[in-house]
Structure formats: C-alpha cells, structure tokens
Amino acid sequence: MPCSITKGRTEAAFLNRLMSAQVGSDVMLTDGRKGKIVLIHPNYPTRPLIALEDGFIDLSKTDSVQIKEIFG
C-alpha cells in the first residue's frame, strides 16, 4: 500500500492533468456568469483563471465564486 505522501502526490497529479484538459472549455459560474477556462494554477487546479466577457476572474483569489458547470 502506498504511503500517504505518495498517494497525495498521485491524486494531485491526476487532478492537475484532469483540469489541464479542460483549458478552453466554457464554464458557468455559481454567480451566473459564463466564461472560458484559460489557465490552470499548479497549486490550485480546481480554481482556474476564467476569461469573462468583460475581463477575467482568478478563482484562486476568491472564495465567493466557483465553477458550477463545465461545458465541452
């Protein structure tokens, strides 16, 4: 059985690859705005940079908005 450090690194690597595959995908945010994933942060793979119609939102810098749905 792998030690917890190895297991944690494996899970993090899997999550990073999974989210990296979503770059370019359209998303719906919990506040109703639509955007596109443009950058995955290596330390926060589930909190990417999102391009919006009127700018960008860095989900790694806010807890008030999350991805509700990924399209494509």
N, C-alpha and C. Protein backbone atom coordinates (compact mmCIF):
# COMPACT_ATOMS: atom_id res chain seq x y z
N MET A 1 0.85 -1.18 0.00
CA MET A 1 0.00 0.00 0.00
C MET A 1 0.89 1.24 0.00
N PRO A 2 0.63 2.22 -0.90
CA PRO A 2 1.47 3.41 -0.96
C PRO A 2 1.28 4.27 0.29
N CYS A 3 2.37 4.95 0.66
CA CYS A 3 2.28 5.84 1.82
C CYS A 3 1.41 7.04 1.46
N SER A 4 0.95 7.76 2.46
CA SER A 4 0.01 8.86 2.23
C SER A 4 0.63 9.99 1.42
N ILE A 5 1.94 10.21 1.52
CA ILE A 5 2.60 11.27 0.75
C ILE A 5 2.55 10.92 -0.73
N THR A 6 2.89 9.68 -1.07
CA THR A 6 2.85 9.24 -2.47
C THR A 6 1.43 9.28 -3.00
N LYS A 7 0.48 8.84 -2.20
CA LYS A 7 -0.92 8.85 -2.61
C LYS A 7 -1.38 10.29 -2.87
N GLY A 8 -1.02 11.20 -1.99
CA GLY A 8 -1.39 12.60 -2.16
C GLY A 8 -0.81 13.20 -3.42
N ARG A 9 0.44 12.89 -3.72
CA ARG A 9 1.08 13.40 -4.94
C ARG A 9 0.43 12.82 -6.18
N THR A 10 0.08 11.54 -6.13
CA THR A 10 -0.58 10.90 -7.26
C THR A 10 -1.94 11.53 -7.51
N GLU A 11 -2.69 11.77 -6.46
CA GLU A 11 -4.00 12.40 -6.61
C GLU A 11 -3.87 13.82 -7.15
N ALA A 12 -2.88 14.57 -6.67
CA ALA A 12 -2.66 15.94 -7.14
C ALA A 12 -2.28 15.94 -8.62
N ALA A 13 -1.42 15.01 -9.02
CA ALA A 13 -1.01 14.92 -10.42
C ALA A 13 -2.20 14.58 -11.31
N PHE A 14 -3.04 13.67 -10.85
CA PHE A 14 -4.23 13.30 -11.61
C PHE A 14 -5.16 14.50 -11.75
N LEU A 15 -5.40 15.22 -10.67
CA LEU A 15 -6.28 16.38 -10.70
C LEU A 15 -5.73 17.47 -11.61
N ASN A 16 -4.42 17.70 -11.57
CA ASN A 16 -3.80 18.68 -12.46
C ASN A 16 -3.99 18.31 -13.93
N ARG A 17 -3.80 17.05 -14.25
CA ARG A 17 -3.99 16.60 -15.65
C ARG A 17 -5.44 16.69 -16.07
N LEU A 18 -6.32 16.32 -15.18
CA LEU A 18 -7.75 16.38 -15.49
C LEU A 18 -8.17 17.83 -15.76
N MET A 19 -7.76 18.75 -14.92
CA MET A 19 -8.15 20.15 -15.10
C MET A 19 -7.43 20.76 -16.30
N SER A 20 -6.19 20.39 -16.55
CA SER A 20 -5.47 20.93 -17.70
C SER A 20 -6.17 20.57 -19.00
N ALA A 21 -6.81 19.42 -19.01
CA ALA A 21 -7.56 19.00 -20.21
C ALA A 21 -8.78 19.89 -20.42
N GLN A 22 -9.18 20.64 -19.41
CA GLN A 22 -10.36 21.50 -19.51
C GLN A 22 -10.05 22.90 -20.02
N VAL A 23 -8.77 23.24 -20.19
CA VAL A 23 -8.41 24.57 -20.70
C VAL A 23 -9.10 24.78 -22.05
N GLY A 24 -9.77 25.91 -22.18
CA GLY A 24 -10.54 26.21 -23.38
C GLY A 24 -12.01 25.87 -23.26
N SER A 25 -12.37 25.15 -22.21
CA SER A 25 -13.77 24.77 -22.02
C SER A 25 -14.58 25.95 -21.49
N ASP A 26 -15.83 26.01 -21.92
CA ASP A 26 -16.76 27.01 -21.41
C ASP A 26 -17.27 26.57 -20.05
N VAL A 27 -17.51 27.53 -19.16
CA VAL A 27 -17.98 27.23 -17.81
C VAL A 27 -19.13 28.16 -17.43
N MET A 28 -19.93 27.69 -16.49
CA MET A 28 -20.94 28.51 -15.83
C MET A 28 -20.47 28.63 -14.38
N LEU A 29 -20.42 29.86 -13.89
CA LEU A 29 -20.00 30.12 -12.53
C LEU A 29 -21.22 30.16 -11.60
N THR A 30 -20.97 30.02 -10.31
CA THR A 30 -22.07 30.00 -9.35
C THR A 30 -22.81 31.32 -9.27
N ASP A 31 -22.22 32.41 -9.77
CA ASP A 31 -22.92 33.70 -9.77
C ASP A 31 -23.67 33.95 -11.08
N GLY A 32 -23.72 32.93 -11.95
CA GLY A 32 -24.48 33.03 -13.19
C GLY A 32 -23.70 33.50 -14.40
N ARG A 33 -22.47 33.97 -14.21
CA ARG A 33 -21.67 34.41 -15.36
C ARG A 33 -21.11 33.22 -16.11
N LYS A 34 -20.93 33.41 -17.42
CA LYS A 34 -20.32 32.39 -18.28
C LYS A 34 -18.93 32.84 -18.65
N GLY A 35 -18.03 31.88 -18.80
CA GLY A 35 -16.66 32.19 -19.17
C GLY A 35 -15.97 31.01 -19.79
N LYS A 36 -14.66 31.14 -19.93
CA LYS A 36 -13.83 30.10 -20.54
C LYS A 36 -12.58 29.92 -19.68
N ILE A 37 -12.23 28.67 -19.41
CA ILE A 37 -11.01 28.37 -18.64
C ILE A 37 -9.80 28.69 -19.51
N VAL A 38 -8.92 29.56 -19.00
CA VAL A 38 -7.75 29.94 -19.78
C VAL A 38 -6.43 29.51 -19.13
N LEU A 39 -6.43 29.27 -17.83
CA LEU A 39 -5.19 28.90 -17.14
C LEU A 39 -5.50 28.08 -15.90
N ILE A 40 -4.75 27.01 -15.72
CA ILE A 40 -4.87 26.19 -14.52
C ILE A 40 -3.67 26.49 -13.62
N HIS A 41 -3.94 26.89 -12.38
CA HIS A 41 -2.87 27.14 -11.43
C HIS A 41 -2.34 25.80 -10.90
N PRO A 42 -1.03 25.57 -10.95
CA PRO A 42 -0.50 24.28 -10.49
C PRO A 42 -0.82 23.98 -9.03
N ASN A 43 -0.88 25.00 -8.18
CA ASN A 43 -1.16 24.77 -6.76
C ASN A 43 -2.65 24.75 -6.44
N TYR A 44 -3.48 25.26 -7.35
CA TYR A 44 -4.93 25.31 -7.14
C TYR A 44 -5.64 24.86 -8.42
N PRO A 45 -5.52 23.60 -8.79
CA PRO A 45 -6.06 23.16 -10.09
C PRO A 45 -7.58 23.30 -10.22
N THR A 46 -8.29 23.33 -9.12
CA THR A 46 -9.75 23.46 -9.21
C THR A 46 -10.20 24.92 -9.13
N ARG A 47 -9.23 25.85 -9.11
CA ARG A 47 -9.53 27.28 -9.03
C ARG A 47 -8.82 28.02 -10.16
N PRO A 48 -9.23 27.79 -11.42
CA PRO A 48 -8.52 28.34 -12.57
C PRO A 48 -8.79 29.83 -12.82
N LEU A 49 -8.06 30.37 -13.79
CA LEU A 49 -8.30 31.71 -14.31
C LEU A 49 -9.36 31.58 -15.39
N ILE A 50 -10.40 32.39 -15.28
CA ILE A 50 -11.53 32.33 -16.20
C ILE A 50 -11.62 33.63 -16.99
N ALA A 51 -11.72 33.53 -18.32
CA ALA A 51 -11.96 34.70 -19.15
C ALA A 51 -13.47 34.92 -19.22
N LEU A 52 -13.87 36.15 -18.90
CA LEU A 52 -15.27 36.54 -18.96
C LEU A 52 -15.46 37.50 -20.12
N GLU A 53 -16.69 37.83 -20.42
CA GLU A 53 -16.98 38.76 -21.50
C GLU A 53 -16.33 40.13 -21.26
N ASP A 54 -16.26 40.53 -20.00
CA ASP A 54 -15.75 41.86 -19.67
C ASP A 54 -14.44 41.85 -18.88
N GLY A 55 -13.69 40.76 -18.94
CA GLY A 55 -12.41 40.70 -18.21
C GLY A 55 -12.09 39.28 -17.79
N PHE A 56 -11.45 39.17 -16.65
CA PHE A 56 -11.02 37.88 -16.11
C PHE A 56 -11.39 37.79 -14.64
N ILE A 57 -11.53 36.55 -14.16
CA ILE A 57 -11.67 36.31 -12.73
C ILE A 57 -10.73 35.16 -12.37
N ASP A 58 -9.92 35.39 -11.37
CA ASP A 58 -8.98 34.39 -10.88
C ASP A 58 -9.62 33.71 -9.68
N LEU A 59 -10.11 32.50 -9.90
CA LEU A 59 -10.83 31.80 -8.84
C LEU A 59 -9.93 31.41 -7.67
N SER A 60 -8.61 31.42 -7.87
CA SER A 60 -7.70 31.12 -6.76
C SER A 60 -7.62 32.29 -5.78
N LYS A 61 -8.15 33.44 -6.16
CA LYS A 61 -8.08 34.63 -5.32
C LYS A 61 -9.42 34.99 -4.66
N THR A 62 -10.45 34.20 -4.93
CA THR A 62 -11.77 34.48 -4.34
C THR A 62 -12.45 33.18 -3.93
N ASP A 63 -13.17 33.24 -2.82
CA ASP A 63 -13.95 32.08 -2.38
C ASP A 63 -15.44 32.27 -2.67
N SER A 64 -15.82 33.45 -3.16
CA SER A 64 -17.23 33.75 -3.34
C SER A 64 -17.81 33.19 -4.64
N VAL A 65 -16.95 32.78 -5.57
CA VAL A 65 -17.41 32.25 -6.86
C VAL A 65 -16.69 30.93 -7.14
N GLN A 66 -17.44 29.98 -7.66
CA GLN A 66 -16.88 28.68 -8.04
C GLN A 66 -17.43 28.27 -9.40
N ILE A 67 -16.82 27.24 -9.96
CA ILE A 67 -17.35 26.68 -11.21
C ILE A 67 -18.56 25.83 -10.85
N LYS A 68 -19.68 26.13 -11.49
CA LYS A 68 -20.90 25.35 -11.29
C LYS A 68 -20.99 24.22 -12.30
N GLU A 69 -20.59 24.52 -13.55
CA GLU A 69 -20.71 23.52 -14.62
C GLU A 69 -19.64 23.79 -15.68
N ILE A 70 -19.12 22.70 -16.24
CA ILE A 70 -18.16 22.79 -17.35
C ILE A 70 -18.84 22.22 -18.59
N PHE A 71 -18.77 22.98 -19.70
CA PHE A 71 -19.36 22.56 -20.97
C PHE A 71 -18.23 22.22 -21.93
N GLY A 72 -18.35 21.09 -22.61
CA GLY A 72 -17.38 20.75 -23.64
C GLY A 72 -16.24 20.08 -23.09
